Amino acid sequence: MIISPHDIDITNGLWSTEFNNCERETIAENIVFISRPFDKFVPFTWEEYKERCTHEVTDKEKHYLDLLVNESYLAFVFGKYYVTVNFVKAITDIPKHVGIEVEN
């Protein structure tokens, strides 16, 4: 099963996710939002994140992106952030034992 950003409902924000933290949930929501025009999760740099978001991005958001990397929800390779399967499972109700793929 391949999960795309359009499969994740962010209409009312992300609540009660595995993150248990509103800042991380907001960052996750932003990642879903900025990926939707591509219909898949695309790697992005910090600069691309700032450009694609529709709000005024703060440096604190980079701190939370880096926390998501440290916690294996995102990968960071050659200056780009990549969504991982752990990220998708953290923000959806897909059971942990179900195999999914994330197209980057």
C-alpha atoms as a PDB file:
ATOM      1  CA  MET A   1       0.000   0.000   0.000  1.00  0.00           C
ATOM      2  CA  ILE A   2       1.479   3.362  -1.070  1.00  0.00           C
ATOM      3  CA  ILE A   3       0.353   6.348   0.970  1.00  0.00           C
ATOM      4  CA  SER A   4       0.201   9.783  -0.649  1.00  0.00           C
ATOM      5  CA  PRO A   5      -0.298  13.169   1.047  1.00  0.00           C
ATOM      6  CA  HIS A   6      -3.877  13.218  -0.263  1.00  0.00           C
ATOM      7  CA  ASP A   7      -4.638  10.093   1.799  1.00  0.00           C
ATOM      8  CA  ILE A   8      -4.042  12.037   5.026  1.00  0.00           C
ATOM      9  CA  ASP A   9      -6.835  14.291   6.265  1.00  0.00           C
ATOM     10  CA  ILE A  10      -5.434  17.568   7.602  1.00  0.00           C
ATOM     11  CA  THR A  11      -8.692  19.513   7.240  1.00  0.00           C
ATOM     12  CA  ASN A  12      -8.970  20.064  10.983  1.00  0.00           C
ATOM     13  CA  GLY A  13      -5.273  19.654  11.735  1.00  0.00           C
ATOM     14  CA  LEU A  14      -3.559  16.597  13.128  1.00  0.00           C
ATOM     15  CA  TRP A  15      -4.667  15.614  16.626  1.00  0.00           C
ATOM     16  CA  SER A  16      -3.937  12.688  18.894  1.00  0.00           C
ATOM     17  CA  THR A  17      -1.032  11.408  16.856  1.00  0.00           C
ATOM     18  CA  GLU A  18       1.878   9.353  18.079  1.00  0.00           C
ATOM     19  CA  PHE A  19       3.814  12.608  18.470  1.00  0.00           C
ATOM     20  CA  ASN A  20       1.673  13.762  21.433  1.00  0.00           C
ATOM     21  CA  ASN A  21       3.018  17.245  20.803  1.00  0.00           C
ATOM     22  CA  CYS A  22       1.218  20.082  19.007  1.00  0.00           C
ATOM     23  CA  GLU A  23       4.426  21.559  17.558  1.00  0.00           C
ATOM     24  CA  ARG A  24       5.437  18.253  15.960  1.00  0.00           C
ATOM     25  CA  GLU A  25       1.876  17.735  14.721  1.00  0.00           C
ATOM     26  CA  THR A  26       1.908  21.196  13.143  1.00  0.00           C
ATOM     27  CA  ILE A  27       5.193  20.449  11.370  1.00  0.00           C
ATOM     28  CA  ALA A  28       3.772  17.112  10.182  1.00  0.00           C
ATOM     29  CA  GLU A  29       0.678  18.882   8.883  1.00  0.00           C
ATOM     30  CA  ASN A  30       2.901  21.356   7.010  1.00  0.00           C
ATOM     31  CA  ILE A  31       4.866  18.498   5.422  1.00  0.00           C
ATOM     32  CA  VAL A  32       1.640  16.887   4.207  1.00  0.00           C
ATOM     33  CA  PHE A  33       0.432  20.267   2.901  1.00  0.00           C
ATOM     34  CA  ILE A  34       3.619  21.124   0.972  1.00  0.00           C
ATOM     35  CA  SER A  35       3.726  17.627  -0.561  1.00  0.00           C
ATOM     36  CA  ARG A  36       0.179  17.629  -1.919  1.00  0.00           C
ATOM     37  CA  PRO A  37       0.916  19.531  -5.164  1.00  0.00           C
ATOM     38  CA  PHE A  38       3.303  16.701  -6.099  1.00  0.00           C
ATOM     39  CA  ASP A  39       0.801  13.949  -5.129  1.00  0.00           C
ATOM     40  CA  LYS A  40       3.589  12.193  -3.247  1.00  0.00           C
ATOM     41  CA  PHE A  41       5.969  12.968  -0.434  1.00  0.00           C
ATOM     42  CA  VAL A  42       8.900  14.787  -1.967  1.00  0.00           C
ATOM     43  CA  PRO A  43      12.283  15.453  -0.400  1.00  0.00           C
ATOM     44  CA  PHE A  44      12.726  19.077   0.589  1.00  0.00           C
ATOM     45  CA  THR A  45      15.409  21.392   1.876  1.00  0.00           C
ATOM     46  CA  TRP A  46      14.876  23.857   4.696  1.00  0.00           C
ATOM     47  CA  GLU A  47      14.678  26.636   2.093  1.00  0.00           C
ATOM     48  CA  GLU A  48      12.061  24.727   0.080  1.00  0.00           C
ATOM     49  CA  TYR A  49      10.035  24.121   3.245  1.00  0.00           C
ATOM     50  CA  LYS A  50      10.024  27.871   3.943  1.00  0.00           C
ATOM     51  CA  GLU A  51       9.042  28.689   0.348  1.00  0.00           C
ATOM     52  CA  ARG A  52       6.215  26.133   0.128  1.00  0.00           C
ATOM     53  CA  CYS A  53       4.568  26.876   3.460  1.00  0.00           C
ATOM     54  CA  THR A  54       1.836  29.503   3.319  1.00  0.00           C
ATOM     55  CA  HIS A  55       2.563  30.927   6.764  1.00  0.00           C
ATOM     56  CA  GLU A  56       5.570  32.852   8.025  1.00  0.00           C
ATOM     57  CA  VAL A  57       8.024  30.110   8.953  1.00  0.00           C
ATOM     58  CA  THR A  58      10.161  30.529  12.062  1.00  0.00           C
ATOM     59  CA  ASP A  59      13.555  29.055  12.899  1.00  0.00           C
ATOM     60  CA  LYS A  60      11.854  27.062  15.658  1.00  0.00           C
ATOM     61  CA  GLU A  61      10.276  24.932  12.925  1.00  0.00           C
ATOM     62  CA  LYS A  62      13.733  23.820  11.779  1.00  0.00           C
ATOM     63  CA  HIS A  63      14.396  22.693  15.335  1.00  0.00           C
ATOM     64  CA  TYR A  64      11.274  20.494  15.204  1.00  0.00           C
ATOM     65  CA  LEU A  65      12.167  19.146  11.753  1.00  0.00           C
ATOM     66  CA  ASP A  66      15.550  18.136  13.154  1.00  0.00           C
ATOM     67  CA  LEU A  67      13.860  16.501  16.169  1.00  0.00           C
ATOM     68  CA  LEU A  68      11.764  14.433  13.759  1.00  0.00           C
ATOM     69  CA  VAL A  69      15.004  13.356  12.080  1.00  0.00           C
ATOM     70  CA  ASN A  70      16.557  12.405  15.424  1.00  0.00           C
ATOM     71  CA  GLU A  71      13.449  10.345  16.230  1.00  0.00           C
ATOM     72  CA  SER A  72      13.528   8.570  12.800  1.00  0.00           C
ATOM     73  CA  TYR A  73      10.268  10.077  11.555  1.00  0.00           C
ATOM     74  CA  LEU A  74      12.188  11.937   8.849  1.00  0.00           C
ATOM     75  CA  ALA A  75      15.497  11.150   7.199  1.00  0.00           C
ATOM     76  CA  PHE A  76      18.035  13.836   6.348  1.00  0.00           C
ATOM     77  CA  VAL A  77      20.339  13.055   3.426  1.00  0.00           C
ATOM     78  CA  PHE A  78      22.541  15.492   1.506  1.00  0.00           C
ATOM     79  CA  GLY A  79      20.688  18.518   2.832  1.00  0.00           C
ATOM     80  CA  LYS A  80      17.165  17.217   2.180  1.00  0.00           C
ATOM     81  CA  TYR A  81      14.450  15.937   4.491  1.00  0.00           C
ATOM     82  CA  TYR A  82      12.660  12.721   3.492  1.00  0.00           C
ATOM     83  CA  VAL A  83       9.401  11.367   4.888  1.00  0.00           C
ATOM     84  CA  THR A  84       9.727   7.864   6.340  1.00  0.00           C
ATOM     85  CA  VAL A  85       7.244   5.065   6.918  1.00  0.00           C
ATOM     86  CA  ASN A  86       7.494   5.875  10.640  1.00  0.00           C
ATOM     87  CA  PHE A  87       6.265   9.403   9.902  1.00  0.00           C
ATOM     88  CA  VAL A  88       3.198   8.190   7.999  1.00  0.00           C
ATOM     89  CA  LYS A  89       2.310   5.598  10.628  1.00  0.00           C
ATOM     90  CA  ALA A  90       2.669   8.222  13.363  1.00  0.00           C
ATOM     91  CA  ILE A  91       0.054  10.516  11.805  1.00  0.00           C
ATOM     92  CA  THR A  92      -2.439   7.959  10.491  1.00  0.00           C
ATOM     93  CA  ASP A  93      -4.525   5.207  11.984  1.00  0.00           C
ATOM     94  CA  ILE A  94      -2.797   2.547   9.891  1.00  0.00           C
ATOM     95  CA  PRO A  95      -1.958  -0.347  12.222  1.00  0.00           C
ATOM     96  CA  LYS A  96       1.749  -0.664  12.940  1.00  0.00           C
ATOM     97  CA  HIS A  97       1.887  -4.222  11.560  1.00  0.00           C
ATOM     98  CA  VAL A  98       0.527  -3.218   8.124  1.00  0.00           C
ATOM     99  CA  GLY A  99       3.223  -2.757   5.512  1.00  0.00           C
ATOM    100  CA  ILE A 100       3.174   0.526   3.669  1.00  0.00           C
ATOM    101  CA  GLU A 101       5.466   2.342   1.275  1.00  0.00           C
ATOM    102  CA  VAL A 102       6.269   6.016   1.057  1.00  0.00           C
ATOM    103  CA  GLU A 103       7.154   7.269  -2.373  1.00  0.00           C
ATOM    104  CA  ASN A 104       9.860   9.927  -2.135  1.00  0.00           C
END
